[in-house]
Amino acid sequence: MSVEWFSKLKEVDSLTKMRINHLKSLSDQEARLATLLQRKDQELSLVSRLQSANHSLQQELFEMEQKLKTSSEQKQRFLDRGADEEKIQGFSREISSLEDRGFGLLEEIEANTQELERLRTFLAGLEETISEINAEAQTEIGKLRAEVRNIELRVSLLLEELPSDFRNLLLKTTAKNLAHGPFTRVDNGTCFFCRFKISKIYESEIDMQQSLKTCPQCDRIFLPYGL
């Protein structure tokens, strides 16, 4: 009868591995979407920074134009009064400096505006890509989740069919969330996963007598060979 129980454990092992693979595929699909959404957020953040920068530059340009207007008017008044050349030259230098700064501000605003246009075009394409991939991913995610539910249901039914000692040990081992699942085999005299050395007597009890045994080191349940 232990052959039947171990066969059910083997099926649980197979289903458990299938569930792990499905969950990884689910994670991959969700990560794929998350990466695109993160890129979208980054680009939107850059758009916001450029818009803010342009607002500040435009404000500075407005203030600079006001200063330029004031300096030009003052220079003209001094010219009209026939003031000394040094003061007029001072205003001329100030006006030249303000004009240079104005041209620089206009160039910065233009560069930011071009980058904003590029980003908006990129974001429009990215939004379309996200929409397409989201539709594909949601279909795949729905399918994977349905398969995971079916696997979990099948495992639940198998657990009910197992005798109490098999079921209790499996539940106890599964609760430890061991990497790669709760099962192992004897491989060249050692546990396949943790490589703990297994005695010949212990190995014979597992493979020949098909006794329910666990690895003394990693606690995984041994499945006999030849089932």
C-alpha atoms as a PDB file:
ATOM      1  CA  MET A   1       0.000   0.000   0.000  1.00  0.00           C
ATOM      2  CA  SER A   2       2.948   2.378   0.613  1.00  0.00           C
ATOM      3  CA  VAL A   3       3.600   2.308  -3.144  1.00  0.00           C
ATOM      4  CA  GLU A   4       0.222   3.965  -3.671  1.00  0.00           C
ATOM      5  CA  TRP A   5       0.926   6.601  -1.027  1.00  0.00           C
ATOM      6  CA  PHE A   6       4.343   7.392  -2.438  1.00  0.00           C
ATOM      7  CA  SER A   7       2.816   7.601  -5.922  1.00  0.00           C
ATOM      8  CA  LYS A   8       0.460  10.245  -4.582  1.00  0.00           C
ATOM      9  CA  LEU A   9       3.395  12.047  -2.950  1.00  0.00           C
ATOM     10  CA  LYS A  10       5.189  11.924  -6.282  1.00  0.00           C
ATOM     11  CA  GLU A  11       2.155  13.496  -7.941  1.00  0.00           C
ATOM     12  CA  VAL A  12       2.093  16.172  -5.227  1.00  0.00           C
ATOM     13  CA  ASP A  13       5.794  16.768  -5.942  1.00  0.00           C
ATOM     14  CA  SER A  14       5.102  17.165  -9.664  1.00  0.00           C
ATOM     15  CA  LEU A  15       2.149  19.484  -9.024  1.00  0.00           C
ATOM     16  CA  THR A  16       4.155  21.510  -6.509  1.00  0.00           C
ATOM     17  CA  LYS A  17       6.919  22.094  -9.046  1.00  0.00           C
ATOM     18  CA  MET A  18       4.337  23.016 -11.669  1.00  0.00           C
ATOM     19  CA  ARG A  19       2.774  25.492  -9.233  1.00  0.00           C
ATOM     20  CA  ILE A  20       6.183  27.047  -8.514  1.00  0.00           C
ATOM     21  CA  ASN A  21       6.802  27.462 -12.262  1.00  0.00           C
ATOM     22  CA  HIS A  22       3.362  29.010 -12.763  1.00  0.00           C
ATOM     23  CA  LEU A  23       3.904  31.422  -9.883  1.00  0.00           C
ATOM     24  CA  LYS A  24       7.273  32.420 -11.377  1.00  0.00           C
ATOM     25  CA  SER A  25       5.589  33.032 -14.733  1.00  0.00           C
ATOM     26  CA  LEU A  26       2.972  35.134 -12.944  1.00  0.00           C
ATOM     27  CA  SER A  27       5.704  37.124 -11.244  1.00  0.00           C
ATOM     28  CA  ASP A  28       7.493  37.607 -14.578  1.00  0.00           C
ATOM     29  CA  GLN A  29       4.332  38.918 -16.247  1.00  0.00           C
ATOM     30  CA  GLU A  30       3.638  41.299 -13.375  1.00  0.00           C
ATOM     31  CA  ALA A  31       7.277  42.454 -13.333  1.00  0.00           C
ATOM     32  CA  ARG A  32       7.106  43.082 -17.081  1.00  0.00           C
ATOM     33  CA  LEU A  33       4.181  45.447 -16.571  1.00  0.00           C
ATOM     34  CA  ALA A  34       5.730  47.010 -13.476  1.00  0.00           C
ATOM     35  CA  THR A  35       8.924  47.818 -15.414  1.00  0.00           C
ATOM     36  CA  LEU A  36       6.956  49.636 -18.130  1.00  0.00           C
ATOM     37  CA  LEU A  37       4.869  51.528 -15.575  1.00  0.00           C
ATOM     38  CA  GLN A  38       8.013  52.505 -13.694  1.00  0.00           C
ATOM     39  CA  ARG A  39       9.527  53.822 -16.943  1.00  0.00           C
ATOM     40  CA  LYS A  40       6.331  55.790 -17.570  1.00  0.00           C
ATOM     41  CA  ASP A  41       6.514  57.318 -14.080  1.00  0.00           C
ATOM     42  CA  GLN A  42      10.163  58.270 -14.647  1.00  0.00           C
ATOM     43  CA  GLU A  43       9.371  59.989 -17.936  1.00  0.00           C
ATOM     44  CA  LEU A  44       6.359  61.776 -16.433  1.00  0.00           C
ATOM     45  CA  SER A  45       8.571  62.960 -13.589  1.00  0.00           C
ATOM     46  CA  LEU A  46      11.064  64.314 -16.139  1.00  0.00           C
ATOM     47  CA  VAL A  47       8.223  66.083 -17.976  1.00  0.00           C
ATOM     48  CA  SER A  48       7.149  67.687 -14.705  1.00  0.00           C
ATOM     49  CA  ARG A  49      10.720  68.836 -13.947  1.00  0.00           C
ATOM     50  CA  LEU A  50      11.164  70.322 -17.417  1.00  0.00           C
ATOM     51  CA  GLN A  51       7.818  72.113 -17.224  1.00  0.00           C
ATOM     52  CA  SER A  52       8.777  73.510 -13.830  1.00  0.00           C
ATOM     53  CA  ALA A  53      12.188  74.553 -15.169  1.00  0.00           C
ATOM     54  CA  ASN A  54      10.579  76.323 -18.139  1.00  0.00           C
ATOM     55  CA  HIS A  55       8.176  78.126 -15.817  1.00  0.00           C
ATOM     56  CA  SER A  56      11.102  79.386 -13.738  1.00  0.00           C
ATOM     57  CA  LEU A  57      13.067  80.353 -16.858  1.00  0.00           C
ATOM     58  CA  GLN A  58      10.105  82.240 -18.296  1.00  0.00           C
ATOM     59  CA  GLN A  59       9.644  84.060 -15.002  1.00  0.00           C
ATOM     60  CA  GLU A  60      13.321  84.973 -14.989  1.00  0.00           C
ATOM     61  CA  LEU A  61      13.058  86.065 -18.642  1.00  0.00           C
ATOM     62  CA  PHE A  62      10.105  88.319 -17.794  1.00  0.00           C
ATOM     63  CA  GLU A  63      11.999  89.903 -14.879  1.00  0.00           C
ATOM     64  CA  MET A  64      15.102  90.314 -17.023  1.00  0.00           C
ATOM     65  CA  GLU A  65      13.063  92.037 -19.768  1.00  0.00           C
ATOM     66  CA  GLN A  66      11.707  94.436 -17.168  1.00  0.00           C
ATOM     67  CA  LYS A  67      15.260  95.233 -16.039  1.00  0.00           C
ATOM     68  CA  LEU A  68      16.337  95.628 -19.651  1.00  0.00           C
ATOM     69  CA  LYS A  69      13.487  98.054 -20.291  1.00  0.00           C
ATOM     70  CA  THR A  70      14.391 100.051 -17.183  1.00  0.00           C
ATOM     71  CA  SER A  71      18.094 100.162 -18.074  1.00  0.00           C
ATOM     72  CA  SER A  72      17.314 101.227 -21.655  1.00  0.00           C
ATOM     73  CA  GLU A  73      15.045 104.011 -20.438  1.00  0.00           C
ATOM     74  CA  GLN A  74      17.659 105.218 -17.953  1.00  0.00           C
ATOM     75  CA  LYS A  75      20.359 105.172 -20.602  1.00  0.00           C
ATOM     76  CA  GLN A  76      18.145 107.197 -22.938  1.00  0.00           C
ATOM     77  CA  ARG A  77      17.479 109.776 -20.211  1.00  0.00           C
ATOM     78  CA  PHE A  78      21.196 110.192 -19.635  1.00  0.00           C
ATOM     79  CA  LEU A  79      21.739 110.523 -23.364  1.00  0.00           C
ATOM     80  CA  ASP A  80      19.017 113.167 -23.569  1.00  0.00           C
ATOM     81  CA  ARG A  81      20.604 115.071 -20.693  1.00  0.00           C
ATOM     82  CA  GLY A  82      24.067 114.812 -22.161  1.00  0.00           C
ATOM     83  CA  ALA A  83      25.404 112.979 -19.116  1.00  0.00           C
ATOM     84  CA  ASP A  84      28.999 111.846 -18.889  1.00  0.00           C
ATOM     85  CA  GLU A  85      30.102 108.995 -21.122  1.00  0.00           C
ATOM     86  CA  GLU A  86      31.132 106.733 -18.234  1.00  0.00           C
ATOM     87  CA  LYS A  87      27.569 106.445 -16.916  1.00  0.00           C
ATOM     88  CA  ILE A  88      26.208 105.856 -20.401  1.00  0.00           C
ATOM     89  CA  GLN A  89      28.805 103.149 -21.012  1.00  0.00           C
ATOM     90  CA  GLY A  90      27.829 101.552 -17.699  1.00  0.00           C
ATOM     91  CA  PHE A  91      24.225 101.310 -18.821  1.00  0.00           C
ATOM     92  CA  SER A  92      25.370  99.965 -22.210  1.00  0.00           C
ATOM     93  CA  ARG A  93      27.346  97.183 -20.525  1.00  0.00           C
ATOM     94  CA  GLU A  94      24.385  96.345 -18.296  1.00  0.00           C
ATOM     95  CA  ILE A  95      22.034  96.261 -21.295  1.00  0.00           C
ATOM     96  CA  SER A  96      24.447  94.014 -23.224  1.00  0.00           C
ATOM     97  CA  SER A  97      24.732  91.655 -20.247  1.00  0.00           C
ATOM     98  CA  LEU A  98      20.944  91.482 -19.861  1.00  0.00           C
ATOM     99  CA  GLU A  99      20.501  90.827 -23.579  1.00  0.00           C
ATOM    100  CA  ASP A 100      23.073  88.001 -23.475  1.00  0.00           C
ATOM    101  CA  ARG A 101      21.302  86.492 -20.498  1.00  0.00           C
ATOM    102  CA  GLY A 102      18.001  86.827 -22.325  1.00  0.00           C
ATOM    103  CA  PHE A 103      19.329  84.957 -25.357  1.00  0.00           C
ATOM    104  CA  GLY A 104      20.665  82.254 -23.024  1.00  0.00           C
ATOM    105  CA  LEU A 105      17.277  81.925 -21.334  1.00  0.00           C
ATOM    106  CA  LEU A 106      15.525  81.673 -24.696  1.00  0.00           C
ATOM    107  CA  GLU A 107      17.926  78.913 -25.773  1.00  0.00           C
ATOM    108  CA  GLU A 108      17.307  76.987 -22.534  1.00  0.00           C
ATOM    109  CA  ILE A 109      13.543  77.340 -22.910  1.00  0.00           C
ATOM    110  CA  GLU A 110      13.750  76.184 -26.530  1.00  0.00           C
ATOM    111  CA  ALA A 111      15.900  73.167 -25.627  1.00  0.00           C
ATOM    112  CA  ASN A 112      13.502  72.208 -22.821  1.00  0.00           C
ATOM    113  CA  THR A 113      10.516  72.655 -25.124  1.00  0.00           C
ATOM    114  CA  GLN A 114      12.059  70.352 -27.737  1.00  0.00           C
ATOM    115  CA  GLU A 115      12.817  67.754 -25.067  1.00  0.00           C
ATOM    116  CA  LEU A 116       9.252  68.025 -23.768  1.00  0.00           C
ATOM    117  CA  GLU A 117       7.937  67.400 -27.267  1.00  0.00           C
ATOM    118  CA  ARG A 118      10.189  64.358 -27.610  1.00  0.00           C
ATOM    119  CA  LEU A 119       9.044  63.026 -24.238  1.00  0.00           C
ATOM    120  CA  ARG A 120       5.363  63.520 -25.089  1.00  0.00           C
ATOM    121  CA  THR A 121       5.845  61.578 -28.341  1.00  0.00           C
ATOM    122  CA  PHE A 122       7.707  58.842 -26.460  1.00  0.00           C
ATOM    123  CA  LEU A 123       5.052  58.687 -23.743  1.00  0.00           C
ATOM    124  CA  ALA A 124       2.284  58.383 -26.325  1.00  0.00           C
ATOM    125  CA  GLY A 125       4.072  55.380 -27.841  1.00  0.00           C
ATOM    126  CA  LEU A 126       4.821  53.933 -24.402  1.00  0.00           C
ATOM    127  CA  GLU A 127       1.183  54.269 -23.386  1.00  0.00           C
ATOM    128  CA  GLU A 128       0.159  52.323 -26.477  1.00  0.00           C
ATOM    129  CA  THR A 129       2.761  49.647 -25.739  1.00  0.00           C
ATOM    130  CA  ILE A 130       1.607  49.381 -22.113  1.00  0.00           C
ATOM    131  CA  SER A 131      -1.982  48.997 -23.265  1.00  0.00           C
ATOM    132  CA  GLU A 132      -1.087  46.201 -25.698  1.00  0.00           C
ATOM    133  CA  ILE A 133       1.181  44.343 -23.262  1.00  0.00           C
ATOM    134  CA  ASN A 134      -1.314  44.779 -20.421  1.00  0.00           C
ATOM    135  CA  ALA A 135      -4.017  43.113 -22.528  1.00  0.00           C
ATOM    136  CA  GLU A 136      -1.669  40.218 -23.354  1.00  0.00           C
ATOM    137  CA  ALA A 137      -0.364  39.938 -19.798  1.00  0.00           C
ATOM    138  CA  GLN A 138      -3.792  40.039 -18.172  1.00  0.00           C
ATOM    139  CA  THR A 139      -4.943  37.176 -20.413  1.00  0.00           C
ATOM    140  CA  GLU A 140      -1.859  35.150 -19.497  1.00  0.00           C
ATOM    141  CA  ILE A 141      -2.114  36.085 -15.806  1.00  0.00           C
ATOM    142  CA  GLY A 142      -5.759  34.998 -15.706  1.00  0.00           C
ATOM    143  CA  LYS A 143      -4.862  31.686 -17.304  1.00  0.00           C
ATOM    144  CA  LEU A 144      -1.944  31.072 -14.942  1.00  0.00           C
ATOM    145  CA  ARG A 145      -4.017  31.913 -11.868  1.00  0.00           C
ATOM    146  CA  ALA A 146      -6.723  29.491 -12.980  1.00  0.00           C
ATOM    147  CA  GLU A 147      -4.096  26.774 -13.443  1.00  0.00           C
ATOM    148  CA  VAL A 148      -2.602  27.504 -10.008  1.00  0.00           C
ATOM    149  CA  ARG A 149      -6.078  27.191  -8.442  1.00  0.00           C
ATOM    150  CA  ASN A 150      -6.603  23.854 -10.212  1.00  0.00           C
ATOM    151  CA  ILE A 151      -3.221  22.607  -9.013  1.00  0.00           C
ATOM    152  CA  GLU A 152      -3.968  23.676  -5.442  1.00  0.00           C
ATOM    153  CA  LEU A 153      -7.341  21.922  -5.614  1.00  0.00           C
ATOM    154  CA  ARG A 154      -5.744  18.726  -6.922  1.00  0.00           C
ATOM    155  CA  VAL A 155      -3.093  18.837  -4.186  1.00  0.00           C
ATOM    156  CA  SER A 156      -5.828  19.365  -1.590  1.00  0.00           C
ATOM    157  CA  LEU A 157      -7.694  16.289  -2.858  1.00  0.00           C
ATOM    158  CA  LEU A 158      -4.509  14.225  -2.831  1.00  0.00           C
ATOM    159  CA  LEU A 159      -3.843  15.263   0.760  1.00  0.00           C
ATOM    160  CA  GLU A 160      -7.281  13.985   1.767  1.00  0.00           C
ATOM    161  CA  GLU A 161      -6.499  10.635   0.165  1.00  0.00           C
ATOM    162  CA  LEU A 162      -3.214  10.187   2.048  1.00  0.00           C
ATOM    163  CA  PRO A 163      -3.023   8.362   5.385  1.00  0.00           C
ATOM    164  CA  SER A 164      -2.518  10.603   8.398  1.00  0.00           C
ATOM    165  CA  ASP A 165       1.227   9.949   8.830  1.00  0.00           C
ATOM    166  CA  PHE A 166       1.951  10.838   5.189  1.00  0.00           C
ATOM    167  CA  ARG A 167      -0.397  13.831   5.241  1.00  0.00           C
ATOM    168  CA  ASN A 168       0.862  15.243   8.534  1.00  0.00           C
ATOM    169  CA  LEU A 169       4.504  14.940   7.531  1.00  0.00           C
ATOM    170  CA  LEU A 170       3.832  16.552   4.163  1.00  0.00           C
ATOM    171  CA  LEU A 171       1.939  19.459   5.759  1.00  0.00           C
ATOM    172  CA  LYS A 172       4.686  19.937   8.332  1.00  0.00           C
ATOM    173  CA  THR A 173       7.416  19.937   5.671  1.00  0.00           C
ATOM    174  CA  THR A 174       5.476  22.161   3.267  1.00  0.00           C
ATOM    175  CA  ALA A 175       4.980  24.726   6.043  1.00  0.00           C
ATOM    176  CA  LYS A 176       8.757  25.252   6.094  1.00  0.00           C
ATOM    177  CA  ASN A 177       8.592  26.731   2.565  1.00  0.00           C
ATOM    178  CA  LEU A 178      11.744  24.937   1.474  1.00  0.00           C
ATOM    179  CA  ALA A 179      13.273  26.112  -1.788  1.00  0.00           C
ATOM    180  CA  HIS A 180      12.409  23.790  -4.700  1.00  0.00           C
ATOM    181  CA  GLY A 181       9.714  22.038  -2.695  1.00  0.00           C
ATOM    182  CA  PRO A 182       9.411  19.535   0.163  1.00  0.00           C
ATOM    183  CA  PHE A 183      10.760  16.416  -1.601  1.00  0.00           C
ATOM    184  CA  THR A 184      14.175  14.952  -2.321  1.00  0.00           C
ATOM    185  CA  ARG A 185      15.826  11.666  -3.338  1.00  0.00           C
ATOM    186  CA  VAL A 186      18.944   9.753  -2.414  1.00  0.00           C
ATOM    187  CA  ASP A 187      21.595  10.593  -5.005  1.00  0.00           C
ATOM    188  CA  ASN A 188      24.918   8.731  -4.868  1.00  0.00           C
ATOM    189  CA  GLY A 189      24.542   8.145  -1.160  1.00  0.00           C
ATOM    190  CA  THR A 190      23.556  11.731  -0.319  1.00  0.00           C
ATOM    191  CA  CYS A 191      20.465  13.919  -0.198  1.00  0.00           C
ATOM    192  CA  PHE A 192      20.013  15.368  -3.680  1.00  0.00           C
ATOM    193  CA  PHE A 193      19.503  18.919  -2.344  1.00  0.00           C
ATOM    194  CA  CYS A 194      21.638  19.421   0.750  1.00  0.00           C
ATOM    195  CA  ARG A 195      24.157  16.590   0.069  1.00  0.00           C
ATOM    196  CA  PHE A 196      23.855  15.163   3.558  1.00  0.00           C
ATOM    197  CA  LYS A 197      25.437  11.687   3.601  1.00  0.00           C
ATOM    198  CA  ILE A 198      22.847   8.896   3.809  1.00  0.00           C
ATOM    199  CA  SER A 199      23.760   5.502   5.259  1.00  0.00           C
ATOM    200  CA  LYS A 200      23.226   2.347   3.203  1.00  0.00           C
ATOM    201  CA  ILE A 201      20.661   1.103   5.728  1.00  0.00           C
ATOM    202  CA  TYR A 202      18.719   4.373   5.580  1.00  0.00           C
ATOM    203  CA  GLU A 203      18.896   4.341   1.780  1.00  0.00           C
ATOM    204  CA  SER A 204      17.623   0.751   1.691  1.00  0.00           C
ATOM    205  CA  GLU A 205      14.699   1.653   3.951  1.00  0.00           C
ATOM    206  CA  ILE A 206      13.799   4.476   1.547  1.00  0.00           C
ATOM    207  CA  ASP A 207      14.279   2.807  -1.826  1.00  0.00           C
ATOM    208  CA  MET A 208      13.764  -0.888  -1.116  1.00  0.00           C
ATOM    209  CA  GLN A 209      11.333  -0.927   1.804  1.00  0.00           C
ATOM    210  CA  GLN A 210       9.694   2.335   0.760  1.00  0.00           C
ATOM    211  CA  SER A 211       9.580   3.680   4.302  1.00  0.00           C
ATOM    212  CA  LEU A 212       8.528   7.239   4.970  1.00  0.00           C
ATOM    213  CA  LYS A 213      11.773   9.095   5.786  1.00  0.00           C
ATOM    214  CA  THR A 214      13.061  12.639   5.843  1.00  0.00           C
ATOM    215  CA  CYS A 215      16.534  14.064   5.367  1.00  0.00           C
ATOM    216  CA  PRO A 216      18.146  14.557   8.806  1.00  0.00           C
ATOM    217  CA  GLN A 217      19.642  17.850   7.637  1.00  0.00           C
ATOM    218  CA  CYS A 218      17.205  19.666   5.306  1.00  0.00           C
ATOM    219  CA  ASP A 219      14.001  17.880   6.468  1.00  0.00           C
ATOM    220  CA  ARG A 220      12.791  17.143   2.933  1.00  0.00           C
ATOM    221  CA  ILE A 221      10.787  13.965   2.395  1.00  0.00           C
ATOM    222  CA  PHE A 222      12.597  11.216   0.513  1.00  0.00           C
ATOM    223  CA  LEU A 223      10.803   9.769  -2.510  1.00  0.00           C
ATOM    224  CA  PRO A 224      11.901   6.207  -3.384  1.00  0.00           C
ATOM    225  CA  TYR A 225      13.382   5.513  -6.798  1.00  0.00           C
ATOM    226  CA  GLY A 226      11.577   3.277  -9.232  1.00  0.00           C
ATOM    227  CA  LEU A 227       7.991   4.441  -8.648  1.00  0.00           C
END
